[in-house]
Amino acid sequence: MWLTIIIALTGLSYIQAHKWSYDGEDGPLNWHKKFPGGCDGKSQSPIDIVPEETTYSRNLKDFAIWYDPPHPDAKFYIKNNGHTG
């Protein structure tokens, strides 16, 4: 019985997973539809950064990443590995 419940819950989580990409129907022009409340403003993820269209500024300040509600024990590192995960 427990195995049946676990399989059912795993299937539900797979069905509810959202797909995104940088082009086509799953691209940035539709992120606000697929992820309402998270990709429809200034604070969103994923972020489409096009290196050829960016410029460096020495005036840039440190930035912070936070979640609502915040998790007091959360620690993580960010690394640009050249592709999304």
PDB file of N, CA and C in Angstrom:
ATOM      1  N   MET A   1       0.817  -1.194   0.000  1.00  0.00           N
ATOM      2  CA  MET A   1       0.000   0.000   0.000  1.00  0.00           C
ATOM      3  C   MET A   1       0.860   1.257   0.000  1.00  0.00           C
ATOM      4  N   TRP A   2       1.891   1.294   0.849  1.00  0.00           N
ATOM      5  CA  TRP A   2       2.752   2.483   0.906  1.00  0.00           C
ATOM      6  C   TRP A   2       3.451   2.719  -0.420  1.00  0.00           C
ATOM      7  N   LEU A   3       3.821   1.640  -1.078  1.00  0.00           N
ATOM      8  CA  LEU A   3       4.482   1.765  -2.369  1.00  0.00           C
ATOM      9  C   LEU A   3       3.545   2.415  -3.386  1.00  0.00           C
ATOM     10  N   THR A   4       2.275   2.049  -3.357  1.00  0.00           N
ATOM     11  CA  THR A   4       1.289   2.642  -4.256  1.00  0.00           C
ATOM     12  C   THR A   4       1.146   4.135  -4.000  1.00  0.00           C
ATOM     13  N   ILE A   5       1.107   4.525  -2.744  1.00  0.00           N
ATOM     14  CA  ILE A   5       0.987   5.943  -2.387  1.00  0.00           C
ATOM     15  C   ILE A   5       2.221   6.713  -2.855  1.00  0.00           C
ATOM     16  N   ILE A   6       3.392   6.154  -2.628  1.00  0.00           N
ATOM     17  CA  ILE A   6       4.631   6.826  -3.034  1.00  0.00           C
ATOM     18  C   ILE A   6       4.687   6.985  -4.550  1.00  0.00           C
ATOM     19  N   ILE A   7       4.317   5.950  -5.278  1.00  0.00           N
ATOM     20  CA  ILE A   7       4.313   6.032  -6.743  1.00  0.00           C
ATOM     21  C   ILE A   7       3.313   7.084  -7.211  1.00  0.00           C
ATOM     22  N   ALA A   8       2.143   7.131  -6.603  1.00  0.00           N
ATOM     23  CA  ALA A   8       1.129   8.122  -6.980  1.00  0.00           C
ATOM     24  C   ALA A   8       1.623   9.537  -6.713  1.00  0.00           C
ATOM     25  N   LEU A   9       2.227   9.764  -5.558  1.00  0.00           N
ATOM     26  CA  LEU A   9       2.733  11.100  -5.231  1.00  0.00           C
ATOM     27  C   LEU A   9       3.878  11.502  -6.149  1.00  0.00           C
ATOM     28  N   THR A  10       4.734  10.568  -6.491  1.00  0.00           N
ATOM     29  CA  THR A  10       5.826  10.855  -7.417  1.00  0.00           C
ATOM     30  C   THR A  10       5.265  11.251  -8.774  1.00  0.00           C
ATOM     31  N   GLY A  11       4.253  10.551  -9.226  1.00  0.00           N
ATOM     32  CA  GLY A  11       3.616  10.884 -10.499  1.00  0.00           C
ATOM     33  C   GLY A  11       2.987  12.254 -10.480  1.00  0.00           C
ATOM     34  N   LEU A  12       2.329  12.609  -9.384  1.00  0.00           N
ATOM     35  CA  LEU A  12       1.721  13.932  -9.272  1.00  0.00           C
ATOM     36  C   LEU A  12       2.768  15.031  -9.308  1.00  0.00           C
ATOM     37  N   SER A  13       3.871  14.839  -8.620  1.00  0.00           N
ATOM     38  CA  SER A  13       4.899  15.880  -8.619  1.00  0.00           C
ATOM     39  C   SER A  13       5.505  16.029 -10.006  1.00  0.00           C
ATOM     40  N   TYR A  14       5.608  14.941 -10.772  1.00  0.00           N
ATOM     41  CA  TYR A  14       6.124  15.031 -12.132  1.00  0.00           C
ATOM     42  C   TYR A  14       5.154  15.802 -13.019  1.00  0.00           C
ATOM     43  N   ILE A  15       3.863  15.529 -12.876  1.00  0.00           N
ATOM     44  CA  ILE A  15       2.850  16.204 -13.680  1.00  0.00           C
ATOM     45  C   ILE A  15       2.837  17.697 -13.383  1.00  0.00           C
ATOM     46  N   GLN A  16       3.036  18.077 -12.121  1.00  0.00           N
ATOM     47  CA  GLN A  16       2.969  19.479 -11.740  1.00  0.00           C
ATOM     48  C   GLN A  16       4.240  20.250 -12.078  1.00  0.00           C
ATOM     49  N   ALA A  17       5.308  19.573 -12.456  1.00  0.00           N
ATOM     50  CA  ALA A  17       6.560  20.251 -12.785  1.00  0.00           C
ATOM     51  C   ALA A  17       6.369  21.077 -14.050  1.00  0.00           C
ATOM     52  N   HIS A  18       6.931  22.267 -14.044  1.00  0.00           N
ATOM     53  CA  HIS A  18       6.819  23.146 -15.202  1.00  0.00           C
ATOM     54  C   HIS A  18       8.086  23.094 -16.025  1.00  0.00           C
ATOM     55  N   LYS A  19       7.924  23.155 -17.309  1.00  0.00           N
ATOM     56  CA  LYS A  19       9.051  23.155 -18.228  1.00  0.00           C
ATOM     57  C   LYS A  19       9.287  24.586 -18.693  1.00  0.00           C
ATOM     58  N   TRP A  20      10.540  24.974 -18.821  1.00  0.00           N
ATOM     59  CA  TRP A  20      10.874  26.290 -19.350  1.00  0.00           C
ATOM     60  C   TRP A  20      12.112  26.176 -20.220  1.00  0.00           C
ATOM     61  N   SER A  21      12.290  27.152 -21.090  1.00  0.00           N
ATOM     62  CA  SER A  21      13.477  27.212 -21.936  1.00  0.00           C
ATOM     63  C   SER A  21      13.699  28.671 -22.310  1.00  0.00           C
ATOM     64  N   TYR A  22      14.647  28.902 -23.182  1.00  0.00           N
ATOM     65  CA  TYR A  22      14.918  30.265 -23.630  1.00  0.00           C
ATOM     66  C   TYR A  22      14.305  30.560 -24.994  1.00  0.00           C
ATOM     67  N   ASP A  23      13.564  29.609 -25.570  1.00  0.00           N
ATOM     68  CA  ASP A  23      12.911  29.892 -26.843  1.00  0.00           C
ATOM     69  C   ASP A  23      11.625  29.087 -26.976  1.00  0.00           C
ATOM     70  N   GLY A  24      10.833  29.437 -27.970  1.00  0.00           N
ATOM     71  CA  GLY A  24       9.588  28.730 -28.235  1.00  0.00           C
ATOM     72  C   GLY A  24       8.504  29.006 -27.203  1.00  0.00           C
ATOM     73  N   GLU A  25       7.558  28.094 -27.141  1.00  0.00           N
ATOM     74  CA  GLU A  25       6.418  28.231 -26.229  1.00  0.00           C
ATOM     75  C   GLU A  25       6.830  28.300 -24.765  1.00  0.00           C
ATOM     76  N   ASP A  26       7.965  27.724 -24.422  1.00  0.00           N
ATOM     77  CA  ASP A  26       8.436  27.725 -23.037  1.00  0.00           C
ATOM     78  C   ASP A  26       9.447  28.837 -22.774  1.00  0.00           C
ATOM     79  N   GLY A  27       9.600  29.762 -23.725  1.00  0.00           N
ATOM     80  CA  GLY A  27      10.596  30.827 -23.630  1.00  0.00           C
ATOM     81  C   GLY A  27      10.168  32.007 -22.771  1.00  0.00           C
ATOM     82  N   PRO A  28      11.056  32.999 -22.637  1.00  0.00           N
ATOM     83  CA  PRO A  28      10.841  34.150 -21.762  1.00  0.00           C
ATOM     84  C   PRO A  28       9.554  34.922 -22.028  1.00  0.00           C
ATOM     85  N   LEU A  29       9.092  34.937 -23.273  1.00  0.00           N
ATOM     86  CA  LEU A  29       7.857  35.670 -23.575  1.00  0.00           C
ATOM     87  C   LEU A  29       6.633  35.035 -22.923  1.00  0.00           C
ATOM     88  N   ASN A  30       6.756  33.789 -22.496  1.00  0.00           N
ATOM     89  CA  ASN A  30       5.627  33.094 -21.868  1.00  0.00           C
ATOM     90  C   ASN A  30       5.858  32.740 -20.407  1.00  0.00           C
ATOM     91  N   TRP A  31       7.006  33.116 -19.842  1.00  0.00           N
ATOM     92  CA  TRP A  31       7.294  32.774 -18.450  1.00  0.00           C
ATOM     93  C   TRP A  31       6.226  33.318 -17.511  1.00  0.00           C
ATOM     94  N   HIS A  32       5.727  34.524 -17.776  1.00  0.00           N
ATOM     95  CA  HIS A  32       4.723  35.115 -16.882  1.00  0.00           C
ATOM     96  C   HIS A  32       3.424  34.309 -16.875  1.00  0.00           C
ATOM     97  N   LYS A  33       3.150  33.588 -17.953  1.00  0.00           N
ATOM     98  CA  LYS A  33       1.950  32.748 -18.001  1.00  0.00           C
ATOM     99  C   LYS A  33       2.180  31.427 -17.260  1.00  0.00           C
ATOM    100  N   LYS A  34       3.373  30.874 -17.432  1.00  0.00           N
ATOM    101  CA  LYS A  34       3.681  29.582 -16.823  1.00  0.00           C
ATOM    102  C   LYS A  34       3.985  29.689 -15.335  1.00  0.00           C
ATOM    103  N   PHE A  35       4.543  30.829 -14.931  1.00  0.00           N
ATOM    104  CA  PHE A  35       4.961  31.009 -13.542  1.00  0.00           C
ATOM    105  C   PHE A  35       4.411  32.323 -12.988  1.00  0.00           C
ATOM    106  N   PRO A  36       3.085  32.459 -12.872  1.00  0.00           N
ATOM    107  CA  PRO A  36       2.512  33.715 -12.375  1.00  0.00           C
ATOM    108  C   PRO A  36       2.974  34.011 -10.952  1.00  0.00           C
ATOM    109  N   GLY A  37       3.279  35.269 -10.705  1.00  0.00           N
ATOM    110  CA  GLY A  37       3.732  35.675  -9.384  1.00  0.00           C
ATOM    111  C   GLY A  37       5.223  35.518  -9.188  1.00  0.00           C
ATOM    112  N   GLY A  38       5.910  34.830 -10.084  1.00  0.00           N
ATOM    113  CA  GLY A  38       7.343  34.633  -9.935  1.00  0.00           C
ATOM    114  C   GLY A  38       8.138  35.120 -11.124  1.00  0.00           C
ATOM    115  N   CYS A  39       7.509  35.196 -12.271  1.00  0.00           N
ATOM    116  CA  CYS A  39       8.223  35.604 -13.487  1.00  0.00           C
ATOM    117  C   CYS A  39       7.463  36.690 -14.227  1.00  0.00           C
ATOM    118  N   ASP A  40       6.853  37.577 -13.487  1.00  0.00           N
ATOM    119  CA  ASP A  40       6.082  38.615 -14.159  1.00  0.00           C
ATOM    120  C   ASP A  40       6.484  40.015 -13.715  1.00  0.00           C
ATOM    121  N   GLY A  41       7.702  40.159 -13.256  1.00  0.00           N
ATOM    122  CA  GLY A  41       8.144  41.474 -12.797  1.00  0.00           C
ATOM    123  C   GLY A  41       9.649  41.598 -12.788  1.00  0.00           C
ATOM    124  N   LYS A  42      10.154  42.390 -11.855  1.00  0.00           N
ATOM    125  CA  LYS A  42      11.591  42.628 -11.767  1.00  0.00           C
ATOM    126  C   LYS A  42      12.322  41.495 -11.065  1.00  0.00           C
ATOM    127  N   SER A  43      11.640  40.785 -10.224  1.00  0.00           N
ATOM    128  CA  SER A  43      12.267  39.702  -9.451  1.00  0.00           C
ATOM    129  C   SER A  43      11.787  38.380 -10.004  1.00  0.00           C
ATOM    130  N   GLN A  44      12.596  37.752 -10.813  1.00  0.00           N
ATOM    131  CA  GLN A  44      12.142  36.507 -11.407  1.00  0.00           C
ATOM    132  C   GLN A  44      13.281  35.523 -11.570  1.00  0.00           C
ATOM    133  N   SER A  45      12.895  34.293 -11.773  1.00  0.00           N
ATOM    134  CA  SER A  45      13.828  33.225 -12.050  1.00  0.00           C
ATOM    135  C   SER A  45      13.108  32.263 -12.975  1.00  0.00           C
ATOM    136  N   PRO A  46      13.673  31.768 -14.017  1.00  0.00           N
ATOM    137  CA  PRO A  46      15.036  32.008 -14.484  1.00  0.00           C
ATOM    138  C   PRO A  46      15.200  33.401 -15.070  1.00  0.00           C
ATOM    139  N   ILE A  47      16.419  33.845 -15.158  1.00  0.00           N
ATOM    140  CA  ILE A  47      16.733  35.156 -15.711  1.00  0.00           C
ATOM    141  C   ILE A  47      17.515  34.941 -16.997  1.00  0.00           C
ATOM    142  N   ASP A  48      17.059  35.547 -18.065  1.00  0.00           N
ATOM    143  CA  ASP A  48      17.719  35.413 -19.361  1.00  0.00           C
ATOM    144  C   ASP A  48      18.753  36.523 -19.510  1.00  0.00           C
ATOM    145  N   ILE A  49      20.004  36.231 -19.187  1.00  0.00           N
ATOM    146  CA  ILE A  49      21.082  37.208 -19.315  1.00  0.00           C
ATOM    147  C   ILE A  49      21.827  36.906 -20.612  1.00  0.00           C
ATOM    148  N   VAL A  50      21.820  37.848 -21.524  1.00  0.00           N
ATOM    149  CA  VAL A  50      22.506  37.690 -22.805  1.00  0.00           C
ATOM    150  C   VAL A  50      23.848  38.401 -22.704  1.00  0.00           C
ATOM    151  N   PRO A  51      24.962  37.663 -22.587  1.00  0.00           N
ATOM    152  CA  PRO A  51      26.272  38.292 -22.381  1.00  0.00           C
ATOM    153  C   PRO A  51      26.617  39.360 -23.415  1.00  0.00           C
ATOM    154  N   GLU A  52      26.245  39.144 -24.678  1.00  0.00           N
ATOM    155  CA  GLU A  52      26.566  40.111 -25.727  1.00  0.00           C
ATOM    156  C   GLU A  52      25.840  41.441 -25.538  1.00  0.00           C
ATOM    157  N   GLU A  53      24.783  41.450 -24.738  1.00  0.00           N
ATOM    158  CA  GLU A  53      23.996  42.664 -24.533  1.00  0.00           C
ATOM    159  C   GLU A  53      24.232  43.285 -23.160  1.00  0.00           C
ATOM    160  N   THR A  54      25.256  42.840 -22.452  1.00  0.00           N
ATOM    161  CA  THR A  54      25.529  43.366 -21.117  1.00  0.00           C
ATOM    162  C   THR A  54      26.805  44.191 -21.114  1.00  0.00           C
ATOM    163  N   THR A  55      26.889  45.111 -20.172  1.00  0.00           N
ATOM    164  CA  THR A  55      28.106  45.901 -19.968  1.00  0.00           C
ATOM    165  C   THR A  55      28.447  45.882 -18.487  1.00  0.00           C
ATOM    166  N   TYR A  56      29.722  45.893 -18.206  1.00  0.00           N
ATOM    167  CA  TYR A  56      30.186  45.880 -16.826  1.00  0.00           C
ATOM    168  C   TYR A  56      30.213  47.304 -16.281  1.00  0.00           C
ATOM    169  N   SER A  57      29.857  47.459 -15.037  1.00  0.00           N
ATOM    170  CA  SER A  57      29.925  48.755 -14.367  1.00  0.00           C
ATOM    171  C   SER A  57      30.672  48.591 -13.052  1.00  0.00           C
ATOM    172  N   ARG A  58      31.653  49.437 -12.815  1.00  0.00           N
ATOM    173  CA  ARG A  58      32.383  49.395 -11.542  1.00  0.00           C
ATOM    174  C   ARG A  58      31.505  49.853 -10.381  1.00  0.00           C
ATOM    175  N   ASN A  59      30.380  50.463 -10.682  1.00  0.00           N
ATOM    176  CA  ASN A  59      29.472  50.957  -9.643  1.00  0.00           C
ATOM    177  C   ASN A  59      28.532  49.875  -9.114  1.00  0.00           C
ATOM    178  N   LEU A  60      28.623  48.675  -9.666  1.00  0.00           N
ATOM    179  CA  LEU A  60      27.750  47.597  -9.194  1.00  0.00           C
ATOM    180  C   LEU A  60      28.031  47.286  -7.733  1.00  0.00           C
ATOM    181  N   LYS A  61      26.972  47.059  -7.000  1.00  0.00           N
ATOM    182  CA  LYS A  61      27.092  46.717  -5.583  1.00  0.00           C
ATOM    183  C   LYS A  61      26.764  45.236  -5.402  1.00  0.00           C
ATOM    184  N   ASP A  62      27.086  44.716  -4.229  1.00  0.00           N
ATOM    185  CA  ASP A  62      26.726  43.337  -3.926  1.00  0.00           C
ATOM    186  C   ASP A  62      25.214  43.166  -4.035  1.00  0.00           C
ATOM    187  N   PHE A  63      24.791  41.978  -4.363  1.00  0.00           N
ATOM    188  CA  PHE A  63      23.360  41.716  -4.422  1.00  0.00           C
ATOM    189  C   PHE A  63      23.003  40.612  -3.438  1.00  0.00           C
ATOM    190  N   ALA A  64      21.742  40.554  -3.109  1.00  0.00           N
ATOM    191  CA  ALA A  64      21.267  39.555  -2.156  1.00  0.00           C
ATOM    192  C   ALA A  64      20.168  38.728  -2.810  1.00  0.00           C
ATOM    193  N   ILE A  65      20.135  37.478  -2.448  1.00  0.00           N
ATOM    194  CA  ILE A  65      19.071  36.588  -2.892  1.00  0.00           C
ATOM    195  C   ILE A  65      18.321  36.145  -1.645  1.00  0.00           C
ATOM    196  N   TRP A  66      17.010  36.233  -1.691  1.00  0.00           N
ATOM    197  CA  TRP A  66      16.233  35.828  -0.530  1.00  0.00           C
ATOM    198  C   TRP A  66      14.942  35.153  -0.980  1.00  0.00           C
ATOM    199  N   TYR A  67      14.370  34.431  -0.073  1.00  0.00           N
ATOM    200  CA  TYR A  67      13.115  33.738  -0.320  1.00  0.00           C
ATOM    201  C   TYR A  67      12.080  34.267   0.659  1.00  0.00           C
ATOM    202  N   ASP A  68      10.824  34.158   0.288  1.00  0.00           N
ATOM    203  CA  ASP A  68       9.746  34.626   1.135  1.00  0.00           C
ATOM    204  C   ASP A  68       8.861  33.425   1.450  1.00  0.00           C
ATOM    205  N   PRO A  69       8.833  32.929   2.669  1.00  0.00           N
ATOM    206  CA  PRO A  69       9.507  33.470   3.849  1.00  0.00           C
ATOM    207  C   PRO A  69      10.988  33.084   3.852  1.00  0.00           C
ATOM    208  N   PRO A  70      11.818  33.905   4.483  1.00  0.00           N
ATOM    209  CA  PRO A  70      13.252  33.612   4.520  1.00  0.00           C
ATOM    210  C   PRO A  70      13.553  32.373   5.355  1.00  0.00           C
ATOM    211  N   HIS A  71      14.589  31.697   4.993  1.00  0.00           N
ATOM    212  CA  HIS A  71      15.035  30.526   5.742  1.00  0.00           C
ATOM    213  C   HIS A  71      16.321  30.908   6.460  1.00  0.00           C
ATOM    214  N   PRO A  72      16.315  31.004   7.791  1.00  0.00           N
ATOM    215  CA  PRO A  72      17.465  31.531   8.534  1.00  0.00           C
ATOM    216  C   PRO A  72      18.744  30.713   8.397  1.00  0.00           C
ATOM    217  N   ASP A  73      18.635  29.428   8.098  1.00  0.00           N
ATOM    218  CA  ASP A  73      19.827  28.584   8.003  1.00  0.00           C
ATOM    219  C   ASP A  73      20.301  28.371   6.567  1.00  0.00           C
ATOM    220  N   ALA A  74      19.679  29.048   5.612  1.00  0.00           N
ATOM    221  CA  ALA A  74      20.031  28.829   4.209  1.00  0.00           C
ATOM    222  C   ALA A  74      21.395  29.431   3.891  1.00  0.00           C
ATOM    223  N   LYS A  75      22.262  28.613   3.317  1.00  0.00           N
ATOM    224  CA  LYS A  75      23.574  29.061   2.858  1.00  0.00           C
ATOM    225  C   LYS A  75      23.816  28.427   1.498  1.00  0.00           C
ATOM    226  N   PHE A  76      24.254  29.216   0.551  1.00  0.00           N
ATOM    227  CA  PHE A  76      24.540  28.664  -0.758  1.00  0.00           C
ATOM    228  C   PHE A  76      25.531  29.553  -1.481  1.00  0.00           C
ATOM    229  N   TYR A  77      26.087  29.021  -2.537  1.00  0.00           N
ATOM    230  CA  TYR A  77      27.057  29.741  -3.350  1.00  0.00           C
ATOM    231  C   TYR A  77      26.564  29.766  -4.789  1.00  0.00           C
ATOM    232  N   ILE A  78      26.880  30.819  -5.489  1.00  0.00           N
ATOM    233  CA  ILE A  78      26.480  30.946  -6.883  1.00  0.00           C
ATOM    234  C   ILE A  78      27.730  30.859  -7.743  1.00  0.00           C
ATOM    235  N   LYS A  79      27.653  30.060  -8.789  1.00  0.00           N
ATOM    236  CA  LYS A  79      28.780  29.919  -9.705  1.00  0.00           C
ATOM    237  C   LYS A  79      28.252  29.971 -11.128  1.00  0.00           C
ATOM    238  N   ASN A  80      28.875  30.780 -11.966  1.00  0.00           N
ATOM    239  CA  ASN A  80      28.508  30.829 -13.372  1.00  0.00           C
ATOM    240  C   ASN A  80      29.217  29.684 -14.074  1.00  0.00           C
ATOM    241  N   ASN A  81      28.466  28.648 -14.406  1.00  0.00           N
ATOM    242  CA  ASN A  81      29.066  27.502 -15.082  1.00  0.00           C
ATOM    243  C   ASN A  81      28.797  27.523 -16.581  1.00  0.00           C
ATOM    244  N   GLY A  82      28.214  28.612 -17.067  1.00  0.00           N
ATOM    245  CA  GLY A  82      28.008  28.767 -18.502  1.00  0.00           C
ATOM    246  C   GLY A  82      26.728  28.169 -19.041  1.00  0.00           C
ATOM    247  N   HIS A  83      25.946  27.502 -18.207  1.00  0.00           N
ATOM    248  CA  HIS A  83      24.672  26.944 -18.654  1.00  0.00           C
ATOM    249  C   HIS A  83      23.740  26.805 -17.465  1.00  0.00           C
ATOM    250  N   THR A  84      22.472  26.623 -17.759  1.00  0.00           N
ATOM    251  CA  THR A  84      21.496  26.468 -16.683  1.00  0.00           C
ATOM    252  C   THR A  84      21.490  25.038 -16.196  1.00  0.00           C
ATOM    253  N   GLY A  85      21.007  24.865 -14.983  1.00  0.00           N
ATOM    254  CA  GLY A  85      20.995  23.529 -14.388  1.00  0.00           C
ATOM    255  C   GLY A  85      19.703  22.825 -14.549  1.00  0.00           C
TER     256      GLY A  85
END
